[in-house]
């Protein structure tokens, strides 16, 4: 239930993609991937900061997060 709400908020409010990629057999823990595409690095950073702030404001403990930026023109 919690993940569905979070997925809806992340995709609707921030225009990001959301996928649960680990611990599907546990209800106490989850691993998710959030993907954001942007044509400008500043917009990307701002969006990721907003997503992270939203996730940090929820009723759980986020134990880790990693950001990876991929430039498709490189």
PDB file of N, CA and C in Angstrom:
ATOM      1  N   UNK A   1       0.822  -1.194   0.000  1.00  0.00           N
ATOM      2  CA  UNK A   1       0.000   0.000   0.000  1.00  0.00           C
ATOM      3  C   UNK A   1       0.861   1.250   0.000  1.00  0.00           C
ATOM      4  N   UNK A   2       1.898   1.266   0.849  1.00  0.00           N
ATOM      5  CA  UNK A   2       2.767   2.429   0.899  1.00  0.00           C
ATOM      6  C   UNK A   2       3.478   2.664  -0.434  1.00  0.00           C
ATOM      7  N   UNK A   3       3.994   1.599  -1.021  1.00  0.00           N
ATOM      8  CA  UNK A   3       4.725   1.756  -2.276  1.00  0.00           C
ATOM      9  C   UNK A   3       3.829   2.249  -3.403  1.00  0.00           C
ATOM     10  N   UNK A   4       2.597   1.827  -3.414  1.00  0.00           N
ATOM     11  CA  UNK A   4       1.679   2.294  -4.457  1.00  0.00           C
ATOM     12  C   UNK A   4       1.473   3.807  -4.346  1.00  0.00           C
ATOM     13  N   UNK A   5       1.291   4.290  -3.125  1.00  0.00           N
ATOM     14  CA  UNK A   5       1.125   5.729  -2.900  1.00  0.00           C
ATOM     15  C   UNK A   5       2.383   6.488  -3.322  1.00  0.00           C
ATOM     16  N   UNK A   6       3.529   5.976  -2.936  1.00  0.00           N
ATOM     17  CA  UNK A   6       4.797   6.613  -3.280  1.00  0.00           C
ATOM     18  C   UNK A   6       5.005   6.605  -4.790  1.00  0.00           C
ATOM     19  N   UNK A   7       4.744   5.464  -5.422  1.00  0.00           N
ATOM     20  CA  UNK A   7       4.876   5.377  -6.875  1.00  0.00           C
ATOM     21  C   UNK A   7       3.979   6.394  -7.569  1.00  0.00           C
ATOM     22  N   UNK A   8       2.739   6.507  -7.124  1.00  0.00           N
ATOM     23  CA  UNK A   8       1.813   7.456  -7.732  1.00  0.00           C
ATOM     24  C   UNK A   8       2.283   8.897  -7.562  1.00  0.00           C
ATOM     25  N   UNK A   9       2.814   9.219  -6.394  1.00  0.00           N
ATOM     26  CA  UNK A   9       3.309  10.573  -6.148  1.00  0.00           C
ATOM     27  C   UNK A   9       4.563  10.871  -6.976  1.00  0.00           C
ATOM     28  N   UNK A  10       5.488   9.933  -6.998  1.00  0.00           N
ATOM     29  CA  UNK A  10       6.749  10.151  -7.718  1.00  0.00           C
ATOM     30  C   UNK A  10       6.499  10.279  -9.218  1.00  0.00           C
ATOM     31  N   UNK A  11       5.638   9.434  -9.755  1.00  0.00           N
ATOM     32  CA  UNK A  11       5.377   9.505 -11.190  1.00  0.00           C
ATOM     33  C   UNK A  11       4.495  10.689 -11.546  1.00  0.00           C
ATOM     34  N   UNK A  12       3.494  10.962 -10.732  1.00  0.00           N
ATOM     35  CA  UNK A  12       2.574  12.050 -11.037  1.00  0.00           C
ATOM     36  C   UNK A  12       3.134  13.429 -10.764  1.00  0.00           C
ATOM     37  N   UNK A  13       3.741  13.608  -9.599  1.00  0.00           N
ATOM     38  CA  UNK A  13       4.227  14.923  -9.190  1.00  0.00           C
ATOM     39  C   UNK A  13       5.547  15.300  -9.851  1.00  0.00           C
ATOM     40  N   UNK A  14       6.427  14.325 -10.038  1.00  0.00           N
ATOM     41  CA  UNK A  14       7.775  14.632 -10.519  1.00  0.00           C
ATOM     42  C   UNK A  14       8.040  14.132 -11.939  1.00  0.00           C
ATOM     43  N   UNK A  15       7.115  13.401 -12.515  1.00  0.00           N
ATOM     44  CA  UNK A  15       7.296  12.898 -13.873  1.00  0.00           C
ATOM     45  C   UNK A  15       8.399  11.866 -13.998  1.00  0.00           C
ATOM     46  N   UNK A  16       8.668  11.157 -12.918  1.00  0.00           N
ATOM     47  CA  UNK A  16       9.745  10.165 -12.907  1.00  0.00           C
ATOM     48  C   UNK A  16       9.170   8.775 -13.152  1.00  0.00           C
ATOM     49  N   UNK A  17      10.041   7.855 -13.486  1.00  0.00           N
ATOM     50  CA  UNK A  17       9.677   6.437 -13.565  1.00  0.00           C
ATOM     51  C   UNK A  17      10.050   5.787 -12.242  1.00  0.00           C
ATOM     52  N   UNK A  18       9.293   4.776 -11.853  1.00  0.00           N
ATOM     53  CA  UNK A  18       9.455   4.149 -10.545  1.00  0.00           C
ATOM     54  C   UNK A  18       9.332   2.648 -10.716  1.00  0.00           C
ATOM     55  N   UNK A  19      10.273   1.898 -10.154  1.00  0.00           N
ATOM     56  CA  UNK A  19      10.204   0.441 -10.223  1.00  0.00           C
ATOM     57  C   UNK A  19      10.707  -0.167  -8.920  1.00  0.00           C
ATOM     58  N   UNK A  20       9.987  -1.162  -8.428  1.00  0.00           N
ATOM     59  CA  UNK A  20      10.439  -1.938  -7.276  1.00  0.00           C
ATOM     60  C   UNK A  20      11.327  -3.048  -7.808  1.00  0.00           C
ATOM     61  N   UNK A  21      12.583  -3.068  -7.380  1.00  0.00           N
ATOM     62  CA  UNK A  21      13.549  -3.999  -7.959  1.00  0.00           C
ATOM     63  C   UNK A  21      14.140  -4.987  -6.950  1.00  0.00           C
ATOM     64  N   UNK A  22      13.723  -4.910  -5.702  1.00  0.00           N
ATOM     65  CA  UNK A  22      14.275  -5.838  -4.724  1.00  0.00           C
ATOM     66  C   UNK A  22      13.393  -5.994  -3.513  1.00  0.00           C
ATOM     67  N   UNK A  23      13.553  -7.115  -2.844  1.00  0.00           N
ATOM     68  CA  UNK A  23      12.852  -7.445  -1.602  1.00  0.00           C
ATOM     69  C   UNK A  23      11.342  -7.518  -1.785  1.00  0.00           C
ATOM     70  N   UNK A  24      10.869  -7.970  -2.940  1.00  0.00           N
ATOM     71  CA  UNK A  24       9.431  -8.065  -3.158  1.00  0.00           C
ATOM     72  C   UNK A  24       8.759  -9.055  -2.211  1.00  0.00           C
ATOM     73  N   UNK A  25       9.532  -9.980  -1.642  1.00  0.00           N
ATOM     74  CA  UNK A  25       8.962 -10.973  -0.742  1.00  0.00           C
ATOM     75  C   UNK A  25       8.886 -10.495   0.707  1.00  0.00           C
ATOM     76  N   UNK A  26       9.353  -9.289   0.997  1.00  0.00           N
ATOM     77  CA  UNK A  26       9.311  -8.737   2.350  1.00  0.00           C
ATOM     78  C   UNK A  26       8.392  -7.516   2.382  1.00  0.00           C
ATOM     79  N   UNK A  27       7.585  -7.401   3.420  1.00  0.00           N
ATOM     80  CA  UNK A  27       6.735  -6.220   3.517  1.00  0.00           C
ATOM     81  C   UNK A  27       7.422  -5.098   4.299  1.00  0.00           C
ATOM     82  N   UNK A  28       8.490  -5.415   5.027  1.00  0.00           N
ATOM     83  CA  UNK A  28       9.172  -4.424   5.850  1.00  0.00           C
ATOM     84  C   UNK A  28      10.251  -3.661   5.090  1.00  0.00           C
ATOM     85  N   UNK A  29      10.597  -4.111   3.900  1.00  0.00           N
ATOM     86  CA  UNK A  29      11.751  -3.544   3.201  1.00  0.00           C
ATOM     87  C   UNK A  29      11.480  -3.538   1.712  1.00  0.00           C
ATOM     88  N   UNK A  30      12.094  -2.585   1.030  1.00  0.00           N
ATOM     89  CA  UNK A  30      11.938  -2.525  -0.416  1.00  0.00           C
ATOM     90  C   UNK A  30      13.165  -1.860  -1.021  1.00  0.00           C
ATOM     91  N   UNK A  31      13.425  -2.202  -2.247  1.00  0.00           N
ATOM     92  CA  UNK A  31      14.460  -1.519  -3.025  1.00  0.00           C
ATOM     93  C   UNK A  31      13.791  -1.027  -4.293  1.00  0.00           C
ATOM     94  N   UNK A  32      13.926   0.274  -4.537  1.00  0.00           N
ATOM     95  CA  UNK A  32      13.274   0.857  -5.705  1.00  0.00           C
ATOM     96  C   UNK A  32      14.290   1.632  -6.531  1.00  0.00           C
ATOM     97  N   UNK A  33      13.945   1.812  -7.790  1.00  0.00           N
ATOM     98  CA  UNK A  33      14.722   2.646  -8.702  1.00  0.00           C
ATOM     99  C   UNK A  33      13.794   3.746  -9.197  1.00  0.00           C
ATOM    100  N   UNK A  34      14.287   4.972  -9.125  1.00  0.00           N
ATOM    101  CA  UNK A  34      13.567   6.122  -9.657  1.00  0.00           C
ATOM    102  C   UNK A  34      14.416   6.688 -10.783  1.00  0.00           C
ATOM    103  N   UNK A  35      13.809   6.852 -11.945  1.00  0.00           N
ATOM    104  CA  UNK A  35      14.541   7.369 -13.104  1.00  0.00           C
ATOM    105  C   UNK A  35      13.892   8.671 -13.569  1.00  0.00           C
ATOM    106  N   UNK A  36      14.744   9.652 -13.848  1.00  0.00           N
ATOM    107  CA  UNK A  36      14.284  10.959 -14.321  1.00  0.00           C
ATOM    108  C   UNK A  36      15.075  11.301 -15.572  1.00  0.00           C
ATOM    109  N   UNK A  37      14.386  11.776 -16.592  1.00  0.00           N
ATOM    110  CA  UNK A  37      15.053  12.232 -17.812  1.00  0.00           C
ATOM    111  C   UNK A  37      14.866  13.743 -17.920  1.00  0.00           C
ATOM    112  N   UNK A  38      15.928  14.433 -18.311  1.00  0.00           N
ATOM    113  CA  UNK A  38      15.856  15.886 -18.474  1.00  0.00           C
ATOM    114  C   UNK A  38      16.869  16.308 -19.517  1.00  0.00           C
ATOM    115  N   UNK A  39      16.577  17.401 -20.191  1.00  0.00           N
ATOM    116  CA  UNK A  39      17.498  17.905 -21.211  1.00  0.00           C
ATOM    117  C   UNK A  39      18.518  18.874 -20.633  1.00  0.00           C
ATOM    118  N   UNK A  40      18.338  19.243 -19.373  1.00  0.00           N
ATOM    119  CA  UNK A  40      19.228  20.203 -18.726  1.00  0.00           C
ATOM    120  C   UNK A  40      19.679  19.629 -17.385  1.00  0.00           C
ATOM    121  N   UNK A  41      20.966  19.685 -17.102  1.00  0.00           N
ATOM    122  CA  UNK A  41      21.502  19.109 -15.866  1.00  0.00           C
ATOM    123  C   UNK A  41      20.954  19.808 -14.630  1.00  0.00           C
ATOM    124  N   UNK A  42      20.749  21.113 -14.692  1.00  0.00           N
ATOM    125  CA  UNK A  42      20.211  21.845 -13.545  1.00  0.00           C
ATOM    126  C   UNK A  42      18.778  21.387 -13.235  1.00  0.00           C
ATOM    127  N   UNK A  43      17.976  21.214 -14.255  1.00  0.00           N
ATOM    128  CA  UNK A  43      16.608  20.726 -14.062  1.00  0.00           C
ATOM    129  C   UNK A  43      16.628  19.320 -13.486  1.00  0.00           C
ATOM    130  N   UNK A  44      17.529  18.496 -13.980  1.00  0.00           N
ATOM    131  CA  UNK A  44      17.669  17.140 -13.469  1.00  0.00           C
ATOM    132  C   UNK A  44      18.026  17.153 -11.987  1.00  0.00           C
ATOM    133  N   UNK A  45      19.015  17.940 -11.604  1.00  0.00           N
ATOM    134  CA  UNK A  45      19.424  18.026 -10.199  1.00  0.00           C
ATOM    135  C   UNK A  45      18.283  18.516  -9.311  1.00  0.00           C
ATOM    136  N   UNK A  46      17.554  19.522  -9.762  1.00  0.00           N
ATOM    137  CA  UNK A  46      16.437  20.056  -8.979  1.00  0.00           C
ATOM    138  C   UNK A  46      15.347  19.006  -8.799  1.00  0.00           C
ATOM    139  N   UNK A  47      15.036  18.290  -9.850  1.00  0.00           N
ATOM    140  CA  UNK A  47      14.003  17.254  -9.772  1.00  0.00           C
ATOM    141  C   UNK A  47      14.428  16.133  -8.843  1.00  0.00           C
ATOM    142  N   UNK A  48      15.672  15.689  -8.970  1.00  0.00           N
ATOM    143  CA  UNK A  48      16.163  14.633  -8.083  1.00  0.00           C
ATOM    144  C   UNK A  48      16.169  15.080  -6.628  1.00  0.00           C
ATOM    145  N   UNK A  49      16.517  16.338  -6.382  1.00  0.00           N
ATOM    146  CA  UNK A  49      16.476  16.866  -5.014  1.00  0.00           C
ATOM    147  C   UNK A  49      15.057  16.863  -4.460  1.00  0.00           C
ATOM    148  N   UNK A  50      14.085  17.214  -5.291  1.00  0.00           N
ATOM    149  CA  UNK A  50      12.683  17.213  -4.856  1.00  0.00           C
ATOM    150  C   UNK A  50      12.197  15.796  -4.584  1.00  0.00           C
ATOM    151  N   UNK A  51      12.579  14.860  -5.430  1.00  0.00           N
ATOM    152  CA  UNK A  51      12.190  13.460  -5.219  1.00  0.00           C
ATOM    153  C   UNK A  51      12.804  12.949  -3.922  1.00  0.00           C
ATOM    154  N   UNK A  52      14.075  13.215  -3.711  1.00  0.00           N
ATOM    155  CA  UNK A  52      14.740  12.759  -2.479  1.00  0.00           C
ATOM    156  C   UNK A  52      14.106  13.393  -1.246  1.00  0.00           C
ATOM    157  N   UNK A  53      13.775  14.684  -1.307  1.00  0.00           N
ATOM    158  CA  UNK A  53      13.125  15.355  -0.177  1.00  0.00           C
ATOM    159  C   UNK A  53      11.764  14.726   0.110  1.00  0.00           C
ATOM    160  N   UNK A  54      11.019  14.417  -0.945  1.00  0.00           N
ATOM    161  CA  UNK A  54       9.725  13.760  -0.750  1.00  0.00           C
ATOM    162  C   UNK A  54       9.912  12.391  -0.087  1.00  0.00           C
ATOM    163  N   UNK A  55      10.838  11.602  -0.584  1.00  0.00           N
ATOM    164  CA  UNK A  55      11.063  10.273  -0.017  1.00  0.00           C
ATOM    165  C   UNK A  55      11.545  10.357   1.430  1.00  0.00           C
ATOM    166  N   UNK A  56      12.380  11.340   1.737  1.00  0.00           N
ATOM    167  CA  UNK A  56      12.864  11.524   3.110  1.00  0.00           C
ATOM    168  C   UNK A  56      11.756  11.953   4.063  1.00  0.00           C
ATOM    169  N   UNK A  57      10.702  12.557   3.545  1.00  0.00           N
ATOM    170  CA  UNK A  57       9.632  13.075   4.400  1.00  0.00           C
ATOM    171  C   UNK A  57       8.603  12.010   4.769  1.00  0.00           C
ATOM    172  N   UNK A  58       8.743  10.808   4.281  1.00  0.00           N
ATOM    173  CA  UNK A  58       7.759   9.755   4.531  1.00  0.00           C
ATOM    174  C   UNK A  58       8.028   9.040   5.854  1.00  0.00           C
ATOM    175  N   UNK A  59       7.106   8.144   6.226  1.00  0.00           N
ATOM    176  CA  UNK A  59       7.154   7.438   7.513  1.00  0.00           C
ATOM    177  C   UNK A  59       8.016   6.182   7.474  1.00  0.00           C
ATOM    178  N   UNK A  60       9.184   6.268   6.909  1.00  0.00           N
ATOM    179  CA  UNK A  60      10.115   5.149   6.897  1.00  0.00           C
ATOM    180  C   UNK A  60      11.527   5.689   6.957  1.00  0.00           C
ATOM    181  N   UNK A  61      12.455   4.804   7.071  1.00  0.00           N
ATOM    182  CA  UNK A  61      13.864   5.178   7.102  1.00  0.00           C
ATOM    183  C   UNK A  61      14.481   4.789   5.770  1.00  0.00           C
ATOM    184  N   UNK A  62      14.983   5.765   5.056  1.00  0.00           N
ATOM    185  CA  UNK A  62      15.693   5.480   3.811  1.00  0.00           C
ATOM    186  C   UNK A  62      17.146   5.229   4.200  1.00  0.00           C
ATOM    187  N   UNK A  63      17.598   4.013   3.995  1.00  0.00           N
ATOM    188  CA  UNK A  63      18.932   3.643   4.464  1.00  0.00           C
ATOM    189  C   UNK A  63      20.037   4.071   3.519  1.00  0.00           C
ATOM    190  N   UNK A  64      19.731   4.191   2.232  1.00  0.00           N
ATOM    191  CA  UNK A  64      20.758   4.639   1.297  1.00  0.00           C
ATOM    192  C   UNK A  64      20.111   5.114   0.007  1.00  0.00           C
ATOM    193  N   UNK A  65      20.842   5.927  -0.697  1.00  0.00           N
ATOM    194  CA  UNK A  65      20.422   6.338  -2.039  1.00  0.00           C
ATOM    195  C   UNK A  65      21.669   6.621  -2.865  1.00  0.00           C
ATOM    196  N   UNK A  66      21.558   6.341  -4.122  1.00  0.00           N
ATOM    197  CA  UNK A  66      22.671   6.543  -5.047  1.00  0.00           C
ATOM    198  C   UNK A  66      22.136   7.260  -6.283  1.00  0.00           C
ATOM    199  N   UNK A  67      22.891   8.226  -6.764  1.00  0.00           N
ATOM    200  CA  UNK A  67      22.517   8.948  -7.973  1.00  0.00           C
ATOM    201  C   UNK A  67      23.533   8.630  -9.053  1.00  0.00           C
ATOM    202  N   UNK A  68      23.029   8.282 -10.222  1.00  0.00           N
ATOM    203  CA  UNK A  68      23.892   8.033 -11.376  1.00  0.00           C
ATOM    204  C   UNK A  68      23.313   8.823 -12.537  1.00  0.00           C
ATOM    205  N   UNK A  69      24.136   9.688 -13.126  1.00  0.00           N
ATOM    206  CA  UNK A  69      23.716  10.490 -14.265  1.00  0.00           C
ATOM    207  C   UNK A  69      24.369   9.907 -15.526  1.00  0.00           C
ATOM    208  N   UNK A  70      23.528   9.621 -16.504  1.00  0.00           N
ATOM    209  CA  UNK A  70      23.997   9.049 -17.749  1.00  0.00           C
ATOM    210  C   UNK A  70      23.732  10.062 -18.860  1.00  0.00           C
ATOM    211  N   UNK A  71      24.770  10.459 -19.557  1.00  0.00           N
ATOM    212  CA  UNK A  71      24.654  11.376 -20.692  1.00  0.00           C
ATOM    213  C   UNK A  71      24.550  10.546 -21.953  1.00  0.00           C
ATOM    214  N   UNK A  72      23.405  10.582 -22.605  1.00  0.00           N
ATOM    215  CA  UNK A  72      23.204   9.728 -23.776  1.00  0.00           C
ATOM    216  C   UNK A  72      23.884  10.283 -25.016  1.00  0.00           C
ATOM    217  N   UNK A  73      24.354  11.536 -24.990  1.00  0.00           N
ATOM    218  CA  UNK A  73      25.060  12.123 -26.133  1.00  0.00           C
ATOM    219  C   UNK A  73      26.552  11.813 -26.110  1.00  0.00           C
ATOM    220  N   UNK A  74      27.027  11.243 -25.015  1.00  0.00           N
ATOM    221  CA  UNK A  74      28.467  10.999 -24.883  1.00  0.00           C
ATOM    222  C   UNK A  74      28.901   9.787 -25.664  1.00  0.00           C
TER     223      UNK A  74
END
